[in-house]
Amino acid sequence: EDFTAVSEKDGASDSESKPDTGPPGVPVPADDTPEVLNKALSGLSSRWKNWWVRGILTLAMISFFFFIIYLGPMVLMLIVLCVQIKCFQEIIHIGYSVYHSYHLPWFRTLSWYFLLCVNYFFYGETVTDYFSNLVQREEPLRILSKYHRLISFAMYLTGFCMFVLSLVKKHYRLQFYMFGWTHVTLLIVVTQSHLIIHNLFEGMIWFIVPISCVICNDIMAYMFGFFFGRTPLIKLSPKKTWEGFIGGFFSTVVFGILLSYVMAGYSFFVCPVEFNSDRNSFEVDCEPSDLFQLQDYALPAALESLTGWPTLRLYPFQIHSISLSAFASLMGPFGGFFASGFKRAFKIKDFANTIPGHGGIMDRFDCQYLMATFVNVYIASFIRGPNPAKVVQQLLALRLDQQLHIFNSLKTHLTERGLLEEEA
């Protein structure tokens, strides 16, 4: 009678349809708490049982996070890809479950095909941008890099034509609705996950600190809200409170400063990922930049009189970490509120039941994607400058006459600036 009737009445106008009461909800999954935890916590109230389940699983996830950090940036990149695929699957499954009765042709197949196309495009761009010396050395990669965007467009165009050919009478509106569903999911999930990978390649500290700040804010906001929460924060998430929001903010800022101090002293965390042609391997080894060198900062008179310290010795990155942790605390939760609104629209509690007490993977990463965009913009705006190594790599890819022309132009420019002596 609502959306169904409109789609089944070919040619019916929107004005003839009745008000949309929303799609049916996705079935609520059963309790997925491991049996061993159910038995151990059987004597507790549901509130405290949920506390312990969430706490135990949180510690397990944090331990796994430390383990994959130990394995290095390339393993982290693969984990990001796996998380991206799982988040995509959870959102697409919601769409398929809501409209399963319509048997839309090729919906799931085309959704996964478009995921493949978009990932091929982004990963190709990333490899060409960050590892151009590897691309120039290998003939197949050089050819793929040269025609990468053409290949990507051809792949997408194939999927586009498949979608048009799959259109079925009486289901046009629903099929275009799901086509848009797939593309919005790609925009939210895939694009943001590749920004995370870009941040990772700038140095693991740009990956670990923002993610850790979001995790810290989530944990501390939950704890402050659990013990002290009285004032509701937003209607979309009735359990979120102002006490949790404020407590999470201050805790996360302090945590970000301390974590940055610990990590900034290790080249493994601060150096960008590079490909070593001599050793034929990816490496994280460099001379840390000024951003990760301890410096003395003069304290304002008020703080000096209070602490008795005329200066404070910090890494410059710690100052940047305040911006990262503040964003994670103030704006990051809005990614969670957005996800809450989405779940309420489809009458579901969680995206999936992958993690007991936490829901699906998307439930844990809804704030991370918004954070990834901010970090990428922050690096581009305040951190990253021209990279001489990349400029040299691009010059070496030119023809010899082009290289000679650039050499003469640069020589003339430096001579006019007085940095080179004129030839006799």
Protein backbone atom coordinates (compact mmCIF):
# COMPACT_ATOMS: atom_id res chain seq x y z
CA GLU A 1 0.00 0.00 0.00
CA ASP A 2 2.89 2.39 0.37
CA PHE A 3 6.21 2.00 -1.45
CA THR A 4 5.23 -1.50 -2.64
CA ALA A 5 2.06 -0.37 -4.33
CA VAL A 6 3.82 2.44 -6.16
CA SER A 7 6.50 0.10 -7.49
CA GLU A 8 3.97 -2.53 -8.61
CA LYS A 9 1.70 -0.06 -10.40
CA ASP A 10 3.63 0.68 -13.58
CA GLY A 11 3.50 4.35 -14.46
CA ALA A 12 1.81 5.46 -11.25
CA SER A 13 2.73 8.98 -10.24
CA ASP A 14 4.03 9.99 -6.84
CA SER A 15 0.96 12.15 -6.26
CA GLU A 16 -1.24 9.04 -6.46
CA SER A 17 0.73 7.14 -3.84
CA LYS A 18 -0.06 7.11 -0.15
CA PRO A 19 2.34 8.52 2.43
CA ASP A 20 5.46 6.40 2.88
CA THR A 21 5.37 4.66 6.24
CA GLY A 22 8.92 3.41 5.82
CA PRO A 23 10.31 0.02 4.93
CA PRO A 24 9.80 -2.98 7.16
CA GLY A 25 12.45 -3.50 9.79
CA VAL A 26 15.23 -6.04 9.48
CA PRO A 27 14.69 -9.03 11.79
CA VAL A 28 16.43 -8.53 15.15
CA PRO A 29 19.23 -11.09 15.59
CA ALA A 30 19.13 -13.40 18.57
CA ASP A 31 21.41 -13.01 21.57
CA ASP A 32 24.90 -13.78 20.30
CA THR A 33 26.76 -13.67 23.63
CA PRO A 34 29.09 -16.68 23.97
CA GLU A 35 27.63 -19.39 26.18
CA VAL A 36 30.63 -19.31 28.51
CA LEU A 37 29.99 -15.61 29.24
CA ASN A 38 26.26 -16.21 29.70
CA LYS A 39 26.99 -18.82 32.37
CA ALA A 40 29.67 -16.75 34.11
CA LEU A 41 27.47 -13.64 34.23
CA SER A 42 24.11 -15.34 34.80
CA GLY A 43 23.70 -13.86 38.30
CA LEU A 44 24.03 -10.24 37.17
CA SER A 45 21.37 -7.80 36.06
CA SER A 46 21.09 -7.11 32.33
CA ARG A 47 22.75 -3.70 32.83
CA TRP A 48 25.86 -5.12 34.50
CA LYS A 49 25.91 -8.16 32.24
CA ASN A 50 26.10 -5.86 29.22
CA TRP A 51 28.88 -3.90 31.01
CA TRP A 52 31.02 -7.00 31.47
CA VAL A 53 30.36 -8.38 27.97
CA ARG A 54 31.28 -5.07 26.36
CA GLY A 55 34.34 -4.71 28.61
CA ILE A 56 35.72 -8.19 27.93
CA LEU A 57 35.19 -7.93 24.17
CA THR A 58 36.69 -4.43 24.15
CA LEU A 59 39.87 -5.71 25.80
CA ALA A 60 40.01 -8.53 23.26
CA MET A 61 39.67 -6.11 20.34
CA ILE A 62 42.32 -3.76 21.77
CA SER A 63 44.70 -6.71 22.19
CA PHE A 64 44.10 -7.70 18.56
CA PHE A 65 44.71 -4.07 17.53
CA PHE A 66 48.12 -4.10 19.27
CA PHE A 67 48.96 -7.38 17.56
CA ILE A 68 48.30 -6.12 14.03
CA ILE A 69 50.26 -2.93 14.79
CA TYR A 70 53.21 -5.17 15.66
CA LEU A 71 52.87 -6.91 12.27
CA GLY A 72 53.50 -3.64 10.41
CA PRO A 73 51.82 -1.23 7.97
CA MET A 74 51.19 -3.66 5.11
CA VAL A 75 49.23 -6.00 7.38
CA LEU A 76 47.35 -2.97 8.71
CA MET A 77 46.43 -2.07 5.15
CA LEU A 78 45.02 -5.58 4.58
CA ILE A 79 43.06 -5.34 7.83
CA VAL A 80 41.57 -2.02 6.69
CA LEU A 81 40.54 -3.70 3.43
CA CYS A 82 38.90 -6.58 5.33
CA VAL A 83 37.05 -4.15 7.61
CA GLN A 84 35.91 -2.17 4.59
CA ILE A 85 34.52 -5.28 2.89
CA LYS A 86 32.71 -6.37 6.05
CA CYS A 87 31.17 -2.92 6.60
CA PHE A 88 30.03 -2.87 2.97
CA GLN A 89 28.52 -6.34 3.35
CA GLU A 90 26.59 -5.33 6.48
CA ILE A 91 25.03 -2.25 4.87
CA ILE A 92 24.21 -4.03 1.62
CA HIS A 93 22.69 -6.92 3.56
CA ILE A 94 20.33 -4.50 5.30
CA GLY A 95 19.09 -3.25 1.93
CA TYR A 96 18.72 -6.78 0.63
CA SER A 97 16.90 -7.95 3.76
CA VAL A 98 14.44 -5.07 3.73
CA TYR A 99 13.45 -5.62 0.08
CA HIS A 100 14.19 -9.35 -0.21
CA SER A 101 10.65 -10.18 -1.32
CA TYR A 102 11.02 -8.25 -4.55
CA HIS A 103 13.81 -10.53 -5.85
CA LEU A 104 15.60 -7.67 -7.52
CA PRO A 105 17.76 -9.15 -10.29
CA TRP A 106 21.52 -8.87 -9.97
CA PHE A 107 21.36 -6.47 -7.00
CA ARG A 108 23.92 -8.21 -4.79
CA THR A 109 26.12 -9.28 -7.70
CA LEU A 110 26.31 -5.75 -9.10
CA SER A 111 26.90 -4.30 -5.63
CA TRP A 112 29.99 -6.47 -5.15
CA TYR A 113 31.14 -5.79 -8.69
CA PHE A 114 31.00 -2.03 -8.10
CA LEU A 115 32.95 -2.56 -4.86
CA LEU A 116 35.65 -4.34 -6.90
CA CYS A 117 35.75 -1.50 -9.46
CA VAL A 118 36.06 1.26 -6.88
CA ASN A 119 38.73 -0.60 -4.92
CA TYR A 120 40.72 -1.24 -8.09
CA PHE A 121 40.61 2.46 -8.87
CA PHE A 122 41.64 3.66 -5.40
CA TYR A 123 44.35 1.07 -4.78
CA GLY A 124 45.82 1.74 -8.21
CA GLU A 125 45.92 5.47 -7.50
CA THR A 126 47.52 4.83 -4.10
CA VAL A 127 50.25 2.55 -5.47
CA THR A 128 51.08 5.01 -8.26
CA ASP A 129 51.19 7.95 -5.86
CA TYR A 130 53.23 6.43 -3.02
CA PHE A 131 55.34 3.77 -4.75
CA SER A 132 56.11 5.22 -8.17
CA ASN A 133 59.66 3.80 -8.08
CA LEU A 134 58.18 0.29 -7.85
CA VAL A 135 55.74 1.05 -10.67
CA GLN A 136 58.46 2.40 -12.97
CA ARG A 137 60.66 -0.62 -12.33
CA GLU A 138 58.09 -3.29 -13.24
CA GLU A 139 56.88 -3.31 -16.85
CA PRO A 140 53.36 -4.75 -16.15
CA LEU A 141 52.79 -2.21 -13.37
CA ARG A 142 54.00 0.61 -15.60
CA ILE A 143 51.48 -0.33 -18.29
CA LEU A 144 48.65 -0.71 -15.77
CA SER A 145 49.57 2.63 -14.22
CA LYS A 146 49.59 4.41 -17.58
CA TYR A 147 46.09 3.20 -18.50
CA HIS A 148 44.78 2.86 -14.95
CA ARG A 149 41.94 5.37 -15.18
CA LEU A 150 40.86 4.09 -18.58
CA ILE A 151 40.71 0.53 -17.24
CA SER A 152 38.83 1.68 -14.14
CA PHE A 153 36.29 3.59 -16.24
CA ALA A 154 35.81 0.61 -18.56
CA MET A 155 35.17 -1.66 -15.58
CA TYR A 156 32.61 0.74 -14.11
CA LEU A 157 30.96 1.25 -17.49
CA THR A 158 30.52 -2.51 -17.81
CA GLY A 159 28.73 -2.60 -14.45
CA PHE A 160 26.60 0.39 -15.45
CA CYS A 161 25.48 -1.36 -18.65
CA MET A 162 24.76 -4.57 -16.70
CA PHE A 163 22.52 -2.58 -14.36
CA VAL A 164 20.59 -1.02 -17.26
CA LEU A 165 20.12 -4.44 -18.88
CA SER A 166 18.86 -5.87 -15.57
CA LEU A 167 16.00 -3.37 -15.26
CA VAL A 168 12.66 -5.17 -14.94
CA LYS A 169 9.18 -3.77 -15.49
CA LYS A 170 7.29 -2.94 -12.27
CA HIS A 171 10.54 -2.80 -10.28
CA TYR A 172 12.20 0.23 -11.90
CA ARG A 173 11.87 2.49 -8.89
CA LEU A 174 13.17 -0.06 -6.43
CA GLN A 175 16.08 -0.96 -8.68
CA PHE A 176 17.18 2.67 -8.98
CA TYR A 177 16.70 3.05 -5.23
CA MET A 178 19.07 0.13 -4.59
CA PHE A 179 21.49 1.44 -7.24
CA GLY A 180 21.69 4.65 -5.22
CA TRP A 181 21.96 2.63 -1.99
CA THR A 182 25.04 0.84 -3.35
CA HIS A 183 26.75 4.03 -4.50
CA VAL A 184 26.14 5.92 -1.26
CA THR A 185 27.56 2.92 0.62
CA LEU A 186 30.62 2.99 -1.64
CA LEU A 187 31.04 6.71 -1.00
CA ILE A 188 30.82 6.35 2.77
CA VAL A 189 32.75 3.11 3.27
CA VAL A 190 35.26 2.67 0.44
CA THR A 191 36.34 6.29 0.02
CA GLN A 192 36.89 6.76 3.73
CA SER A 193 38.80 3.48 4.12
CA HIS A 194 41.24 4.58 1.44
CA LEU A 195 41.76 7.87 3.25
CA ILE A 196 42.72 5.73 6.27
CA ILE A 197 45.30 3.94 4.09
CA HIS A 198 46.67 7.28 2.87
CA ASN A 199 47.05 8.39 6.49
CA LEU A 200 48.81 5.11 7.27
CA PHE A 201 51.35 5.59 4.50
CA GLU A 202 52.23 9.03 5.90
CA GLY A 203 53.40 7.26 9.05
CA MET A 204 51.69 4.77 11.33
CA ILE A 205 51.34 7.44 14.02
CA TRP A 206 48.80 9.21 11.78
CA PHE A 207 46.84 5.96 11.70
CA ILE A 208 47.20 4.77 15.30
CA VAL A 209 46.70 8.02 17.25
CA PRO A 210 43.41 9.09 15.56
CA ILE A 211 41.94 5.57 15.76
CA SER A 212 43.05 5.22 19.39
CA CYS A 213 41.51 8.61 20.25
CA VAL A 214 38.16 7.51 18.83
CA ILE A 215 38.37 4.23 20.77
CA CYS A 216 39.34 6.08 23.96
CA ASN A 217 36.49 8.56 23.54
CA ASP A 218 34.01 5.75 22.95
CA ILE A 219 35.17 3.88 26.07
CA MET A 220 35.43 6.89 28.37
CA ALA A 221 32.13 8.40 27.23
CA TYR A 222 30.48 5.04 27.94
CA MET A 223 32.09 4.81 31.39
CA PHE A 224 31.29 8.39 32.40
CA GLY A 225 27.77 7.95 31.09
CA PHE A 226 27.36 4.59 32.85
CA PHE A 227 28.39 5.88 36.27
CA PHE A 228 27.49 9.58 36.16
CA GLY A 229 25.10 10.02 33.22
CA ARG A 230 21.92 11.92 34.01
CA THR A 231 21.33 14.45 31.22
CA PRO A 232 20.33 13.10 27.75
CA LEU A 233 22.52 14.39 24.93
CA ILE A 234 20.61 13.65 21.72
CA LYS A 235 17.31 11.96 20.92
CA LEU A 236 18.88 9.73 18.26
CA SER A 237 20.91 7.98 20.98
CA PRO A 238 18.90 8.08 24.23
CA LYS A 239 21.70 6.39 26.21
CA LYS A 240 24.23 9.13 25.34
CA THR A 241 24.54 11.79 28.03
CA TRP A 242 26.22 15.16 28.45
CA GLU A 243 28.23 13.78 31.35
CA GLY A 244 29.62 11.05 29.11
CA PHE A 245 30.26 13.49 26.27
CA ILE A 246 32.19 15.98 28.45
CA GLY A 247 34.06 13.30 30.40
CA GLY A 248 35.03 11.58 27.16
CA PHE A 249 36.36 14.87 25.74
CA PHE A 250 38.79 15.66 28.55
CA SER A 251 39.89 12.04 28.89
CA THR A 252 40.60 11.76 25.16
CA VAL A 253 42.64 14.98 24.99
CA VAL A 254 44.87 13.81 27.86
CA PHE A 255 45.13 10.33 26.33
CA GLY A 256 46.08 11.75 22.91
CA ILE A 257 48.90 13.88 24.38
CA LEU A 258 50.33 10.96 26.36
CA LEU A 259 50.06 8.42 23.52
CA SER A 260 51.70 10.86 21.09
CA TYR A 261 54.60 11.39 23.49
CA VAL A 262 55.21 7.64 23.69
CA MET A 263 54.95 6.97 19.95
CA ALA A 264 56.77 10.04 18.60
CA GLY A 265 60.11 8.74 19.85
CA TYR A 266 60.08 5.64 17.59
CA SER A 267 60.93 5.84 13.89
CA PHE A 268 58.81 2.70 13.31
CA PHE A 269 55.72 4.78 14.05
CA VAL A 270 56.65 8.18 12.58
CA CYS A 271 58.36 7.30 9.28
CA PRO A 272 56.31 7.04 6.08
CA VAL A 273 56.06 3.69 4.29
CA GLU A 274 58.50 3.51 1.37
CA PHE A 275 59.57 0.89 -1.15
CA ASN A 276 63.29 0.06 -1.07
CA SER A 277 64.36 -0.89 -4.60
CA ASP A 278 67.68 -2.33 -3.45
CA ARG A 279 66.11 -4.70 -0.92
CA ASN A 280 62.92 -5.16 -2.92
CA SER A 281 60.74 -4.62 0.14
CA PHE A 282 58.53 -2.08 1.89
CA GLU A 283 60.30 -0.33 4.75
CA VAL A 284 59.60 2.10 7.58
CA ASP A 285 62.96 3.75 8.20
CA CYS A 286 63.98 7.39 8.07
CA GLU A 287 65.42 10.34 9.94
CA PRO A 288 62.41 11.68 11.89
CA SER A 289 61.27 15.13 10.80
CA ASP A 290 61.15 18.19 13.06
CA LEU A 291 57.59 17.21 13.91
CA PHE A 292 58.99 14.33 15.93
CA GLN A 293 61.96 16.09 17.57
CA LEU A 294 61.66 17.29 21.17
CA GLN A 295 61.51 21.09 21.47
CA ASP A 296 61.24 23.55 24.35
CA TYR A 297 58.08 25.66 24.52
CA ALA A 298 57.83 28.73 26.79
CA LEU A 299 54.85 28.55 29.10
CA PRO A 300 52.51 31.52 29.64
CA ALA A 301 53.17 33.48 32.84
CA ALA A 302 50.06 32.09 34.55
CA LEU A 303 51.07 28.48 33.94
CA GLU A 304 54.69 29.21 34.84
CA SER A 305 53.67 30.59 38.24
CA LEU A 306 51.36 27.64 38.78
CA THR A 307 53.79 24.87 37.79
CA GLY A 308 57.13 26.54 38.43
CA TRP A 309 58.35 25.49 34.96
CA PRO A 310 59.57 28.25 32.60
CA THR A 311 59.47 25.88 29.61
CA LEU A 312 57.85 22.59 28.64
CA ARG A 313 59.62 20.01 26.48
CA LEU A 314 57.26 18.48 23.92
CA TYR A 315 57.15 16.91 20.51
CA PRO A 316 55.43 19.27 18.04
CA PHE A 317 53.19 16.34 17.09
CA GLN A 318 51.74 16.42 20.60
CA ILE A 319 50.30 19.86 19.85
CA HIS A 320 48.73 18.49 16.68
CA SER A 321 47.39 15.55 18.70
CA ILE A 322 45.23 18.01 20.67
CA SER A 323 43.42 18.89 17.44
CA LEU A 324 43.04 15.21 16.56
CA SER A 325 41.72 14.20 19.97
CA ALA A 326 39.41 17.23 20.15
CA PHE A 327 37.87 16.33 16.80
CA ALA A 328 37.54 12.69 17.87
CA SER A 329 35.65 13.85 20.97
CA LEU A 330 33.50 16.68 19.58
CA MET A 331 32.76 15.72 15.96
CA GLY A 332 33.58 12.01 15.85
CA PRO A 333 30.45 11.02 17.84
CA PHE A 334 28.29 12.55 15.10
CA GLY A 335 29.35 9.66 12.89
CA GLY A 336 27.79 7.43 15.54
CA PHE A 337 24.67 9.60 15.68
CA PHE A 338 24.39 9.38 11.90
CA ALA A 339 24.60 5.58 12.12
CA SER A 340 22.00 5.60 14.91
CA GLY A 341 19.61 7.54 12.69
CA PHE A 342 20.19 5.07 9.87
CA LYS A 343 19.46 2.11 12.16
CA ARG A 344 16.34 3.76 13.53
CA ALA A 345 15.12 4.37 9.99
CA PHE A 346 15.21 0.61 9.37
CA LYS A 347 14.11 -0.41 12.87
CA ILE A 348 17.29 -2.31 13.74
CA LYS A 349 19.44 -2.26 16.86
CA ASP A 350 22.80 -3.02 15.23
CA PHE A 351 24.20 -3.40 11.73
CA ALA A 352 24.98 -7.06 12.48
CA ASN A 353 25.80 -9.37 15.41
CA THR A 354 29.45 -9.98 14.55
CA ILE A 355 30.85 -8.84 17.93
CA PRO A 356 28.84 -9.79 21.05
CA GLY A 357 27.78 -6.72 23.00
CA HIS A 358 29.01 -4.38 20.26
CA GLY A 359 26.96 -5.27 17.18
CA GLY A 360 28.55 -5.37 13.74
CA ILE A 361 31.88 -4.14 12.45
CA MET A 362 30.15 -1.01 11.11
CA ASP A 363 28.88 -0.26 14.62
CA ARG A 364 32.52 -0.02 15.78
CA PHE A 365 33.78 1.98 12.80
CA ASP A 366 30.99 4.51 12.25
CA CYS A 367 33.05 7.25 13.95
CA GLN A 368 36.36 6.12 12.46
CA TYR A 369 35.41 7.00 8.89
CA LEU A 370 34.58 10.61 9.78
CA MET A 371 37.86 10.80 11.68
CA ALA A 372 39.81 9.47 8.68
CA THR A 373 38.56 12.30 6.48
CA PHE A 374 39.54 14.92 9.04
CA VAL A 375 43.05 13.49 9.48
CA ASN A 376 43.60 13.40 5.73
CA VAL A 377 42.44 17.01 5.36
CA TYR A 378 44.53 18.03 8.38
CA ILE A 379 47.70 16.48 6.94
CA ALA A 380 47.13 18.12 3.56
CA SER A 381 46.40 21.51 5.14
CA PHE A 382 48.99 21.77 7.92
CA ILE A 383 51.59 19.00 7.63
CA ARG A 384 52.43 17.76 4.17
CA GLY A 385 54.62 19.97 1.97
CA PRO A 386 56.18 19.35 -1.46
CA ASN A 387 57.97 16.00 -1.53
CA PRO A 388 61.35 16.26 -3.36
CA ALA A 389 61.58 12.48 -3.73
CA LYS A 390 58.28 12.30 -5.62
CA VAL A 391 59.28 15.22 -7.85
CA VAL A 392 62.54 13.46 -8.78
CA GLN A 393 60.66 10.23 -9.51
CA GLN A 394 58.28 12.08 -11.82
CA LEU A 395 61.20 13.81 -13.57
CA LEU A 396 62.95 10.50 -14.19
CA ALA A 397 59.78 9.20 -15.85
CA LEU A 398 59.99 11.95 -18.51
CA ARG A 399 61.76 11.70 -21.85
CA LEU A 400 65.44 12.71 -21.88
CA ASP A 401 64.78 15.90 -23.85
CA GLN A 402 62.09 16.90 -21.34
CA GLN A 403 64.46 16.23 -18.44
CA LEU A 404 67.14 18.37 -20.14
CA HIS A 405 64.65 21.21 -20.68
CA ILE A 406 63.65 21.18 -17.00
CA PHE A 407 67.32 21.06 -15.97
CA ASN A 408 68.16 24.15 -18.03
CA SER A 409 65.08 26.01 -16.76
CA LEU A 410 65.97 25.20 -13.14
CA LYS A 411 69.60 26.16 -13.72
CA THR A 412 68.58 29.54 -15.18
CA HIS A 413 66.20 30.16 -12.27
CA LEU A 414 68.84 29.35 -9.64
CA THR A 415 71.43 31.49 -11.42
CA GLU A 416 69.06 34.48 -11.47
CA ARG A 417 68.45 34.00 -7.72
CA GLY A 418 72.21 34.07 -7.13
CA LEU A 419 72.38 30.49 -5.88
CA LEU A 420 74.56 29.39 -8.81
CA GLU A 421 77.43 31.23 -10.44
CA GLU A 422 77.11 32.21 -14.08
CA GLU A 423 79.32 30.29 -16.45
CA ALA A 424 82.21 32.24 -17.93
